[in-house]
Amino acid sequence: DKPIFLENLSIYPNSKSNFVNSFINSKGVITSAGFETPSEALFLNKKLMVIPIRGQYEQLCNAEALKKMDVFVSDDLSNIGPFFENDNHIDYKWEDPMYKIIDSIII
């Protein structure tokens, strides 16, 4: 029901507004290797660490693609130190494919 504060850790009750607010104001994001949260973190140039959910092929594929983008990928939280020790946010240049799509339709 209430936030819990322990030294350098803050735990907030689960809610959409808490999630959005903490996501926007965070320096980095630790999440599974799904699609939506990592994509949003990359779009916002957040430092990102993903942990693929075991037994989920899509998560393993996403993790491999994210490794190629220099995202920190781990099997668990045991080696989380390097994630906190560097400011390795991803400054990815997203292209707007609209004109390419329009050209391919018109031509």
PDB file of N, CA and C in Angstrom:
ATOM      1  N   ASP A   1       0.804  -1.222   0.000  1.00  0.00           N
ATOM      2  CA  ASP A   1       0.000   0.000   0.000  1.00  0.00           C
ATOM      3  C   ASP A   1       0.841   1.277   0.000  1.00  0.00           C
ATOM      4  N   LYS A   2       2.011   1.210   0.653  1.00  0.00           N
ATOM      5  CA  LYS A   2       2.838   2.402   0.823  1.00  0.00           C
ATOM      6  C   LYS A   2       4.237   2.143   0.268  1.00  0.00           C
ATOM      7  N   PRO A   3       4.921   3.206  -0.138  1.00  0.00           N
ATOM      8  CA  PRO A   3       6.309   3.034  -0.587  1.00  0.00           C
ATOM      9  C   PRO A   3       7.199   2.564   0.568  1.00  0.00           C
ATOM     10  N   ILE A   4       8.241   1.805   0.228  1.00  0.00           N
ATOM     11  CA  ILE A   4       9.218   1.339   1.199  1.00  0.00           C
ATOM     12  C   ILE A   4      10.580   1.874   0.757  1.00  0.00           C
ATOM     13  N   PHE A   5      11.305   2.468   1.686  1.00  0.00           N
ATOM     14  CA  PHE A   5      12.614   3.038   1.380  1.00  0.00           C
ATOM     15  C   PHE A   5      13.668   2.350   2.239  1.00  0.00           C
ATOM     16  N   LEU A   6      14.642   1.690   1.593  1.00  0.00           N
ATOM     17  CA  LEU A   6      15.726   0.991   2.269  1.00  0.00           C
ATOM     18  C   LEU A   6      17.048   1.461   1.686  1.00  0.00           C
ATOM     19  N   GLU A   7      17.796   2.234   2.433  1.00  0.00           N
ATOM     20  CA  GLU A   7      19.087   2.766   1.974  1.00  0.00           C
ATOM     21  C   GLU A   7      18.946   3.350   0.576  1.00  0.00           C
ATOM     22  N   ASN A   8      19.530   2.703  -0.443  1.00  0.00           N
ATOM     23  CA  ASN A   8      19.478   3.244  -1.804  1.00  0.00           C
ATOM     24  C   ASN A   8      18.437   2.544  -2.670  1.00  0.00           C
ATOM     25  N   LEU A   9      17.437   1.923  -2.059  1.00  0.00           N
ATOM     26  CA  LEU A   9      16.395   1.198  -2.770  1.00  0.00           C
ATOM     27  C   LEU A   9      15.029   1.763  -2.404  1.00  0.00           C
ATOM     28  N   SER A  10      14.226   2.031  -3.415  1.00  0.00           N
ATOM     29  CA  SER A  10      12.848   2.492  -3.199  1.00  0.00           C
ATOM     30  C   SER A  10      11.902   1.516  -3.885  1.00  0.00           C
ATOM     31  N   ILE A  11      10.909   1.043  -3.143  1.00  0.00           N
ATOM     32  CA  ILE A  11       9.919   0.115  -3.684  1.00  0.00           C
ATOM     33  C   ILE A  11       8.558   0.799  -3.577  1.00  0.00           C
ATOM     34  N   TYR A  12       7.879   0.898  -4.719  1.00  0.00           N
ATOM     35  CA  TYR A  12       6.595   1.583  -4.756  1.00  0.00           C
ATOM     36  C   TYR A  12       5.475   0.591  -5.054  1.00  0.00           C
ATOM     37  N   PRO A  13       4.281   0.878  -4.560  1.00  0.00           N
ATOM     38  CA  PRO A  13       3.145   0.003  -4.889  1.00  0.00           C
ATOM     39  C   PRO A  13       2.945  -0.067  -6.397  1.00  0.00           C
ATOM     40  N   ASN A  14       2.514  -1.198  -6.868  1.00  0.00           N
ATOM     41  CA  ASN A  14       2.306  -1.418  -8.294  1.00  0.00           C
ATOM     42  C   ASN A  14       1.108  -0.615  -8.787  1.00  0.00           C
ATOM     43  N   SER A  15       1.358   0.288  -9.707  1.00  0.00           N
ATOM     44  CA  SER A  15       0.277   1.045 -10.336  1.00  0.00           C
ATOM     45  C   SER A  15       0.804   1.632 -11.635  1.00  0.00           C
ATOM     46  N   LYS A  16      -0.101   1.922 -12.541  1.00  0.00           N
ATOM     47  CA  LYS A  16       0.306   2.476 -13.831  1.00  0.00           C
ATOM     48  C   LYS A  16       0.995   3.827 -13.658  1.00  0.00           C
ATOM     49  N   SER A  17       0.441   4.688 -12.809  1.00  0.00           N
ATOM     50  CA  SER A  17       1.035   6.019 -12.642  1.00  0.00           C
ATOM     51  C   SER A  17       2.414   5.931 -11.996  1.00  0.00           C
ATOM     52  N   ASN A  18       2.595   5.039 -11.011  1.00  0.00           N
ATOM     53  CA  ASN A  18       3.917   4.872 -10.404  1.00  0.00           C
ATOM     54  C   ASN A  18       4.919   4.365 -11.433  1.00  0.00           C
ATOM     55  N   PHE A  19       4.502   3.400 -12.251  1.00  0.00           N
ATOM     56  CA  PHE A  19       5.398   2.843 -13.263  1.00  0.00           C
ATOM     57  C   PHE A  19       5.812   3.917 -14.261  1.00  0.00           C
ATOM     58  N   VAL A  20       4.850   4.632 -14.804  1.00  0.00           N
ATOM     59  CA  VAL A  20       5.152   5.647 -15.818  1.00  0.00           C
ATOM     60  C   VAL A  20       6.050   6.729 -15.234  1.00  0.00           C
ATOM     61  N   ASN A  21       5.736   7.190 -14.036  1.00  0.00           N
ATOM     62  CA  ASN A  21       6.523   8.247 -13.404  1.00  0.00           C
ATOM     63  C   ASN A  21       7.952   7.787 -13.135  1.00  0.00           C
ATOM     64  N   SER A  22       8.120   6.593 -12.590  1.00  0.00           N
ATOM     65  CA  SER A  22       9.473   6.116 -12.300  1.00  0.00           C
ATOM     66  C   SER A  22      10.232   5.830 -13.590  1.00  0.00           C
ATOM     67  N   PHE A  23       9.548   5.341 -14.616  1.00  0.00           N
ATOM     68  CA  PHE A  23      10.190   5.059 -15.900  1.00  0.00           C
ATOM     69  C   PHE A  23      10.717   6.344 -16.522  1.00  0.00           C
ATOM     70  N   ILE A  24       9.899   7.365 -16.555  1.00  0.00           N
ATOM     71  CA  ILE A  24      10.287   8.637 -17.168  1.00  0.00           C
ATOM     72  C   ILE A  24      11.446   9.282 -16.417  1.00  0.00           C
ATOM     73  N   ASN A  25      11.437   9.201 -15.095  1.00  0.00           N
ATOM     74  CA  ASN A  25      12.439   9.888 -14.284  1.00  0.00           C
ATOM     75  C   ASN A  25      13.673   9.050 -13.976  1.00  0.00           C
ATOM     76  N   SER A  26      13.712   7.823 -14.435  1.00  0.00           N
ATOM     77  CA  SER A  26      14.853   6.951 -14.136  1.00  0.00           C
ATOM     78  C   SER A  26      16.037   7.248 -15.052  1.00  0.00           C
ATOM     79  N   LYS A  27      17.224   6.894 -14.579  1.00  0.00           N
ATOM     80  CA  LYS A  27      18.423   6.964 -15.413  1.00  0.00           C
ATOM     81  C   LYS A  27      18.589   5.685 -16.209  1.00  0.00           C
ATOM     82  N   GLY A  28      18.055   4.586 -15.672  1.00  0.00           N
ATOM     83  CA  GLY A  28      18.194   3.303 -16.325  1.00  0.00           C
ATOM     84  C   GLY A  28      17.028   2.394 -16.004  1.00  0.00           C
ATOM     85  N   VAL A  29      16.914   1.321 -16.793  1.00  0.00           N
ATOM     86  CA  VAL A  29      15.799   0.387 -16.664  1.00  0.00           C
ATOM     87  C   VAL A  29      16.350  -1.038 -16.648  1.00  0.00           C
ATOM     88  N   ILE A  30      15.893  -1.831 -15.682  1.00  0.00           N
ATOM     89  CA  ILE A  30      16.199  -3.257 -15.637  1.00  0.00           C
ATOM     90  C   ILE A  30      14.875  -3.973 -15.864  1.00  0.00           C
ATOM     91  N   THR A  31      14.827  -4.842 -16.882  1.00  0.00           N
ATOM     92  CA  THR A  31      13.573  -5.475 -17.255  1.00  0.00           C
ATOM     93  C   THR A  31      13.842  -6.817 -17.923  1.00  0.00           C
ATOM     94  N   SER A  32      12.781  -7.512 -18.257  1.00  0.00           N
ATOM     95  CA  SER A  32      12.935  -8.736 -19.041  1.00  0.00           C
ATOM     96  C   SER A  32      13.302  -8.336 -20.474  1.00  0.00           C
ATOM     97  N   ALA A  33      13.576  -9.319 -21.308  1.00  0.00           N
ATOM     98  CA  ALA A  33      13.969  -9.032 -22.691  1.00  0.00           C
ATOM     99  C   ALA A  33      12.770  -9.127 -23.626  1.00  0.00           C
ATOM    100  N   GLY A  34      11.630  -8.661 -23.155  1.00  0.00           N
ATOM    101  CA  GLY A  34      10.447  -8.619 -24.005  1.00  0.00           C
ATOM    102  C   GLY A  34      10.604  -7.556 -25.074  1.00  0.00           C
ATOM    103  N   PHE A  35       9.518  -7.030 -25.561  1.00  0.00           N
ATOM    104  CA  PHE A  35       9.601  -6.049 -26.639  1.00  0.00           C
ATOM    105  C   PHE A  35       9.303  -4.633 -26.156  1.00  0.00           C
ATOM    106  N   GLU A  36       8.176  -4.446 -25.483  1.00  0.00           N
ATOM    107  CA  GLU A  36       7.679  -3.094 -25.237  1.00  0.00           C
ATOM    108  C   GLU A  36       8.558  -2.260 -24.304  1.00  0.00           C
ATOM    109  N   THR A  37       8.856  -2.758 -23.127  1.00  0.00           N
ATOM    110  CA  THR A  37       9.638  -1.959 -22.181  1.00  0.00           C
ATOM    111  C   THR A  37      11.049  -1.680 -22.700  1.00  0.00           C
ATOM    112  N   PRO A  38      11.784  -2.679 -23.216  1.00  0.00           N
ATOM    113  CA  PRO A  38      13.094  -2.339 -23.786  1.00  0.00           C
ATOM    114  C   PRO A  38      13.005  -1.336 -24.932  1.00  0.00           C
ATOM    115  N   SER A  39      11.986  -1.466 -25.776  1.00  0.00           N
ATOM    116  CA  SER A  39      11.828  -0.519 -26.892  1.00  0.00           C
ATOM    117  C   SER A  39      11.614   0.892 -26.381  1.00  0.00           C
ATOM    118  N   GLU A  40      10.767   1.044 -25.369  1.00  0.00           N
ATOM    119  CA  GLU A  40      10.509   2.373 -24.817  1.00  0.00           C
ATOM    120  C   GLU A  40      11.755   2.941 -24.153  1.00  0.00           C
ATOM    121  N   ALA A  41      12.499   2.088 -23.450  1.00  0.00           N
ATOM    122  CA  ALA A  41      13.734   2.548 -22.810  1.00  0.00           C
ATOM    123  C   ALA A  41      14.745   3.006 -23.858  1.00  0.00           C
ATOM    124  N   LEU A  42      14.883   2.251 -24.942  1.00  0.00           N
ATOM    125  CA  LEU A  42      15.795   2.644 -26.014  1.00  0.00           C
ATOM    126  C   LEU A  42      15.361   3.946 -26.661  1.00  0.00           C
ATOM    127  N   PHE A  43      14.070   4.086 -26.900  1.00  0.00           N
ATOM    128  CA  PHE A  43      13.555   5.303 -27.525  1.00  0.00           C
ATOM    129  C   PHE A  43      13.847   6.525 -26.655  1.00  0.00           C
ATOM    130  N   LEU A  44      13.783   6.341 -25.327  1.00  0.00           N
ATOM    131  CA  LEU A  44      14.037   7.441 -24.392  1.00  0.00           C
ATOM    132  C   LEU A  44      15.513   7.574 -24.022  1.00  0.00           C
ATOM    133  N   ASN A  45      16.386   6.817 -24.714  1.00  0.00           N
ATOM    134  CA  ASN A  45      17.834   6.844 -24.468  1.00  0.00           C
ATOM    135  C   ASN A  45      18.200   6.523 -23.023  1.00  0.00           C
ATOM    136  N   LYS A  46      17.481   5.577 -22.425  1.00  0.00           N
ATOM    137  CA  LYS A  46      17.774   5.145 -21.059  1.00  0.00           C
ATOM    138  C   LYS A  46      18.871   4.087 -21.076  1.00  0.00           C
ATOM    139  N   LYS A  47      19.637   4.026 -20.021  1.00  0.00           N
ATOM    140  CA  LYS A  47      20.545   2.914 -19.809  1.00  0.00           C
ATOM    141  C   LYS A  47      19.659   1.695 -19.588  1.00  0.00           C
ATOM    142  N   LEU A  48      20.022   0.555 -20.199  1.00  0.00           N
ATOM    143  CA  LEU A  48      19.116  -0.594 -20.201  1.00  0.00           C
ATOM    144  C   LEU A  48      19.857  -1.886 -19.875  1.00  0.00           C
ATOM    145  N   MET A  49      19.259  -2.667 -18.998  1.00  0.00           N
ATOM    146  CA  MET A  49      19.723  -4.023 -18.707  1.00  0.00           C
ATOM    147  C   MET A  49      18.533  -4.948 -18.878  1.00  0.00           C
ATOM    148  N   VAL A  50      18.722  -6.038 -19.629  1.00  0.00           N
ATOM    149  CA  VAL A  50      17.642  -6.996 -19.799  1.00  0.00           C
ATOM    150  C   VAL A  50      18.069  -8.368 -19.301  1.00  0.00           C
ATOM    151  N   ILE A  51      17.103  -9.075 -18.759  1.00  0.00           N
ATOM    152  CA  ILE A  51      17.293 -10.450 -18.302  1.00  0.00           C
ATOM    153  C   ILE A  51      16.230 -11.277 -19.006  1.00  0.00           C
ATOM    154  N   PRO A  52      16.623 -12.079 -20.015  1.00  0.00           N
ATOM    155  CA  PRO A  52      15.622 -12.866 -20.732  1.00  0.00           C
ATOM    156  C   PRO A  52      14.961 -13.896 -19.811  1.00  0.00           C
ATOM    157  N   ILE A  53      13.669 -14.054 -19.957  1.00  0.00           N
ATOM    158  CA  ILE A  53      12.936 -15.053 -19.188  1.00  0.00           C
ATOM    159  C   ILE A  53      13.296 -16.421 -19.744  1.00  0.00           C
ATOM    160  N   ARG A  54      13.735 -17.300 -18.874  1.00  0.00           N
ATOM    161  CA  ARG A  54      14.167 -18.644 -19.293  1.00  0.00           C
ATOM    162  C   ARG A  54      13.026 -19.389 -19.973  1.00  0.00           C
ATOM    163  N   GLY A  55      13.377 -20.106 -21.029  1.00  0.00           N
ATOM    164  CA  GLY A  55      12.398 -20.929 -21.732  1.00  0.00           C
ATOM    165  C   GLY A  55      11.541 -20.160 -22.722  1.00  0.00           C
ATOM    166  N   GLN A  56      11.788 -18.868 -22.880  1.00  0.00           N
ATOM    167  CA  GLN A  56      11.013 -18.043 -23.809  1.00  0.00           C
ATOM    168  C   GLN A  56      11.903 -17.691 -25.008  1.00  0.00           C
ATOM    169  N   TYR A  57      11.669 -18.354 -26.123  1.00  0.00           N
ATOM    170  CA  TYR A  57      12.509 -18.182 -27.306  1.00  0.00           C
ATOM    171  C   TYR A  57      12.552 -16.727 -27.770  1.00  0.00           C
ATOM    172  N   GLU A  58      11.400 -16.056 -27.767  1.00  0.00           N
ATOM    173  CA  GLU A  58      11.352 -14.657 -28.202  1.00  0.00           C
ATOM    174  C   GLU A  58      12.273 -13.793 -27.337  1.00  0.00           C
ATOM    175  N   GLN A  59      12.297 -14.044 -26.045  1.00  0.00           N
ATOM    176  CA  GLN A  59      13.147 -13.275 -25.142  1.00  0.00           C
ATOM    177  C   GLN A  59      14.629 -13.485 -25.465  1.00  0.00           C
ATOM    178  N   LEU A  60      15.002 -14.727 -25.775  1.00  0.00           N
ATOM    179  CA  LEU A  60      16.388 -15.016 -26.140  1.00  0.00           C
ATOM    180  C   LEU A  60      16.771 -14.308 -27.440  1.00  0.00           C
ATOM    181  N   CYS A  61      15.868 -14.305 -28.409  1.00  0.00           N
ATOM    182  CA  CYS A  61      16.124 -13.614 -29.683  1.00  0.00           C
ATOM    183  C   CYS A  61      16.252 -12.110 -29.469  1.00  0.00           C
ATOM    184  N   ASN A  62      15.350 -11.543 -28.674  1.00  0.00           N
ATOM    185  CA  ASN A  62      15.417 -10.111 -28.372  1.00  0.00           C
ATOM    186  C   ASN A  62      16.725  -9.772 -27.663  1.00  0.00           C
ATOM    187  N   ALA A  63      17.133 -10.625 -26.712  1.00  0.00           N
ATOM    188  CA  ALA A  63      18.374 -10.381 -25.974  1.00  0.00           C
ATOM    189  C   ALA A  63      19.579 -10.376 -26.913  1.00  0.00           C
ATOM    190  N   GLU A  64      19.606 -11.296 -27.872  1.00  0.00           N
ATOM    191  CA  GLU A  64      20.717 -11.334 -28.832  1.00  0.00           C
ATOM    192  C   GLU A  64      20.745 -10.066 -29.689  1.00  0.00           C
ATOM    193  N   ALA A  65      19.576  -9.615 -30.127  1.00  0.00           N
ATOM    194  CA  ALA A  65      19.514  -8.374 -30.917  1.00  0.00           C
ATOM    195  C   ALA A  65      19.946  -7.181 -30.070  1.00  0.00           C
ATOM    196  N   LEU A  66      19.530  -7.153 -28.803  1.00  0.00           N
ATOM    197  CA  LEU A  66      19.898  -6.042 -27.925  1.00  0.00           C
ATOM    198  C   LEU A  66      21.395  -6.046 -27.617  1.00  0.00           C
ATOM    199  N   LYS A  67      22.006  -7.225 -27.511  1.00  0.00           N
ATOM    200  CA  LYS A  67      23.460  -7.300 -27.312  1.00  0.00           C
ATOM    201  C   LYS A  67      24.185  -6.596 -28.453  1.00  0.00           C
ATOM    202  N   LYS A  68      23.682  -6.775 -29.667  1.00  0.00           N
ATOM    203  CA  LYS A  68      24.309  -6.145 -30.835  1.00  0.00           C
ATOM    204  C   LYS A  68      24.183  -4.626 -30.792  1.00  0.00           C
ATOM    205  N   MET A  69      23.240  -4.138 -29.979  1.00  0.00           N
ATOM    206  CA  MET A  69      23.069  -2.688 -29.801  1.00  0.00           C
ATOM    207  C   MET A  69      23.804  -2.203 -28.550  1.00  0.00           C
ATOM    208  N   ASP A  70      24.638  -3.070 -27.968  1.00  0.00           N
ATOM    209  CA  ASP A  70      25.412  -2.768 -26.756  1.00  0.00           C
ATOM    210  C   ASP A  70      24.561  -2.606 -25.502  1.00  0.00           C
ATOM    211  N   VAL A  71      23.407  -3.262 -25.470  1.00  0.00           N
ATOM    212  CA  VAL A  71      22.590  -3.300 -24.257  1.00  0.00           C
ATOM    213  C   VAL A  71      23.191  -4.346 -23.328  1.00  0.00           C
ATOM    214  N   PHE A  72      23.187  -4.065 -22.029  1.00  0.00           N
ATOM    215  CA  PHE A  72      23.711  -4.993 -21.030  1.00  0.00           C
ATOM    216  C   PHE A  72      22.708  -6.133 -20.856  1.00  0.00           C
ATOM    217  N   VAL A  73      23.112  -7.370 -21.197  1.00  0.00           N
ATOM    218  CA  VAL A  73      22.254  -8.551 -21.102  1.00  0.00           C
ATOM    219  C   VAL A  73      22.854  -9.495 -20.071  1.00  0.00           C
ATOM    220  N   SER A  74      22.013 -10.018 -19.190  1.00  0.00           N
ATOM    221  CA  SER A  74      22.478 -10.932 -18.158  1.00  0.00           C
ATOM    222  C   SER A  74      21.461 -12.041 -17.962  1.00  0.00           C
ATOM    223  N   ASP A  75      21.913 -13.162 -17.392  1.00  0.00           N
ATOM    224  CA  ASP A  75      21.002 -14.263 -17.083  1.00  0.00           C
ATOM    225  C   ASP A  75      20.286 -14.060 -15.756  1.00  0.00           C
ATOM    226  N   ASP A  76      20.844 -13.205 -14.900  1.00  0.00           N
ATOM    227  CA  ASP A  76      20.242 -12.958 -13.589  1.00  0.00           C
ATOM    228  C   ASP A  76      20.809 -11.654 -13.017  1.00  0.00           C
ATOM    229  N   LEU A  77      20.512 -11.381 -11.767  1.00  0.00           N
ATOM    230  CA  LEU A  77      20.969 -10.140 -11.145  1.00  0.00           C
ATOM    231  C   LEU A  77      22.315 -10.281 -10.436  1.00  0.00           C
ATOM    232  N   SER A  78      22.954 -11.454 -10.545  1.00  0.00           N
ATOM    233  CA  SER A  78      24.188 -11.687  -9.793  1.00  0.00           C
ATOM    234  C   SER A  78      25.340 -10.777 -10.236  1.00  0.00           C
ATOM    235  N   ASN A  79      25.334 -10.340 -11.481  1.00  0.00           N
ATOM    236  CA  ASN A  79      26.421  -9.459 -11.959  1.00  0.00           C
ATOM    237  C   ASN A  79      25.873  -8.093 -12.361  1.00  0.00           C
ATOM    238  N   ILE A  80      25.051  -7.526 -11.486  1.00  0.00           N
ATOM    239  CA  ILE A  80      24.401  -6.245 -11.771  1.00  0.00           C
ATOM    240  C   ILE A  80      25.357  -5.062 -11.617  1.00  0.00           C
ATOM    241  N   GLY A  81      26.478  -5.279 -10.901  1.00  0.00           N
ATOM    242  CA  GLY A  81      27.413  -4.189 -10.630  1.00  0.00           C
ATOM    243  C   GLY A  81      27.827  -3.391 -11.850  1.00  0.00           C
ATOM    244  N   PRO A  82      28.283  -4.038 -12.930  1.00  0.00           N
ATOM    245  CA  PRO A  82      28.720  -3.269 -14.111  1.00  0.00           C
ATOM    246  C   PRO A  82      27.623  -2.380 -14.696  1.00  0.00           C
ATOM    247  N   PHE A  83      26.377  -2.794 -14.556  1.00  0.00           N
ATOM    248  CA  PHE A  83      25.278  -1.961 -15.064  1.00  0.00           C
ATOM    249  C   PHE A  83      25.244  -0.621 -14.338  1.00  0.00           C
ATOM    250  N   PHE A  84      25.447  -0.655 -13.020  1.00  0.00           N
ATOM    251  CA  PHE A  84      25.402   0.573 -12.225  1.00  0.00           C
ATOM    252  C   PHE A  84      26.690   1.377 -12.326  1.00  0.00           C
ATOM    253  N   GLU A  85      27.785   0.705 -12.647  1.00  0.00           N
ATOM    254  CA  GLU A  85      29.085   1.364 -12.640  1.00  0.00           C
ATOM    255  C   GLU A  85      29.359   2.204 -13.876  1.00  0.00           C
ATOM    256  N   ASN A  86      28.595   2.024 -14.933  1.00  0.00           N
ATOM    257  CA  ASN A  86      28.854   2.834 -16.124  1.00  0.00           C
ATOM    258  C   ASN A  86      27.585   3.562 -16.552  1.00  0.00           C
ATOM    259  N   ASP A  87      27.772   4.564 -17.362  1.00  0.00           N
ATOM    260  CA  ASP A  87      26.647   5.357 -17.869  1.00  0.00           C
ATOM    261  C   ASP A  87      26.400   4.969 -19.319  1.00  0.00           C
ATOM    262  N   ASN A  88      26.222   3.692 -19.554  1.00  0.00           N
ATOM    263  CA  ASN A  88      26.145   3.147 -20.899  1.00  0.00           C
ATOM    264  C   ASN A  88      24.731   3.228 -21.475  1.00  0.00           C
ATOM    265  N   HIS A  89      24.186   4.441 -21.551  1.00  0.00           N
ATOM    266  CA  HIS A  89      22.873   4.565 -22.187  1.00  0.00           C
ATOM    267  C   HIS A  89      23.051   4.443 -23.701  1.00  0.00           C
ATOM    268  N   ILE A  90      22.016   3.995 -24.351  1.00  0.00           N
ATOM    269  CA  ILE A  90      22.079   3.743 -25.787  1.00  0.00           C
ATOM    270  C   ILE A  90      21.523   4.959 -26.522  1.00  0.00           C
ATOM    271  N   ASP A  91      22.352   5.579 -27.344  1.00  0.00           N
ATOM    272  CA  ASP A  91      21.930   6.739 -28.120  1.00  0.00           C
ATOM    273  C   ASP A  91      21.662   6.265 -29.543  1.00  0.00           C
ATOM    274  N   TYR A  92      20.552   5.587 -29.720  1.00  0.00           N
ATOM    275  CA  TYR A  92      20.209   4.975 -31.001  1.00  0.00           C
ATOM    276  C   TYR A  92      19.473   5.984 -31.874  1.00  0.00           C
ATOM    277  N   LYS A  93      19.847   6.079 -33.119  1.00  0.00           N
ATOM    278  CA  LYS A  93      19.205   7.012 -34.054  1.00  0.00           C
ATOM    279  C   LYS A  93      18.065   6.289 -34.777  1.00  0.00           C
ATOM    280  N   TRP A  94      16.850   6.572 -34.367  1.00  0.00           N
ATOM    281  CA  TRP A  94      15.683   5.931 -34.971  1.00  0.00           C
ATOM    282  C   TRP A  94      15.345   6.630 -36.274  1.00  0.00           C
ATOM    283  N   GLU A  95      15.170   5.843 -37.319  1.00  0.00           N
ATOM    284  CA  GLU A  95      14.804   6.400 -38.616  1.00  0.00           C
ATOM    285  C   GLU A  95      13.284   6.415 -38.748  1.00  0.00           C
ATOM    286  N   ASP A  96      12.773   7.414 -39.422  1.00  0.00           N
ATOM    287  CA  ASP A  96      11.350   7.467 -39.737  1.00  0.00           C
ATOM    288  C   ASP A  96      11.174   6.856 -41.122  1.00  0.00           C
ATOM    289  N   PRO A  97      10.591   5.655 -41.210  1.00  0.00           N
ATOM    290  CA  PRO A  97      10.506   4.963 -42.499  1.00  0.00           C
ATOM    291  C   PRO A  97       9.356   5.430 -43.389  1.00  0.00           C
ATOM    292  N   MET A  98       8.626   6.466 -42.973  1.00  0.00           N
ATOM    293  CA  MET A  98       7.423   6.877 -43.695  1.00  0.00           C
ATOM    294  C   MET A  98       7.702   7.143 -45.178  1.00  0.00           C
ATOM    295  N   TYR A  99       8.748   7.885 -45.490  1.00  0.00           N
ATOM    296  CA  TYR A  99       9.010   8.230 -46.890  1.00  0.00           C
ATOM    297  C   TYR A  99       9.403   7.005 -47.709  1.00  0.00           C
ATOM    298  N   LYS A 100      10.145   6.079 -47.106  1.00  0.00           N
ATOM    299  CA  LYS A 100      10.496   4.844 -47.806  1.00  0.00           C
ATOM    300  C   LYS A 100       9.246   4.026 -48.095  1.00  0.00           C
ATOM    301  N   ILE A 101       8.344   3.980 -47.154  1.00  0.00           N
ATOM    302  CA  ILE A 101       7.095   3.223 -47.337  1.00  0.00           C
ATOM    303  C   ILE A 101       6.250   3.860 -48.440  1.00  0.00           C
ATOM    304  N   ILE A 102       6.116   5.190 -48.409  1.00  0.00           N
ATOM    305  CA  ILE A 102       5.329   5.897 -49.416  1.00  0.00           C
ATOM    306  C   ILE A 102       5.952   5.683 -50.807  1.00  0.00           C
ATOM    307  N   ASP A 103       7.276   5.804 -50.894  1.00  0.00           N
ATOM    308  CA  ASP A 103       7.958   5.597 -52.184  1.00  0.00           C
ATOM    309  C   ASP A 103       7.719   4.183 -52.712  1.00  0.00           C
ATOM    310  N   SER A 104       7.758   3.177 -51.839  1.00  0.00           N
ATOM    311  CA  SER A 104       7.564   1.805 -52.311  1.00  0.00           C
ATOM    312  C   SER A 104       6.129   1.544 -52.760  1.00  0.00           C
ATOM    313  N   ILE A 105       5.185   2.280 -52.199  1.00  0.00           N
ATOM    314  CA  ILE A 105       3.781   2.130 -52.600  1.00  0.00           C
ATOM    315  C   ILE A 105       3.528   2.853 -53.927  1.00  0.00           C
ATOM    316  N   ILE A 106       4.071   4.038 -54.070  1.00  0.00           N
ATOM    317  CA  ILE A 106       3.822   4.851 -55.253  1.00  0.00           C
ATOM    318  C   ILE A 106       4.562   4.318 -56.470  1.00  0.00           C
ATOM    319  N   ILE A 107       5.774   3.851 -56.288  1.00  0.00           N
ATOM    320  CA  ILE A 107       6.602   3.433 -57.434  1.00  0.00           C
ATOM    321  C   ILE A 107       6.146   2.107 -57.969  1.00  0.00           C
TER     322      ILE A 107
END
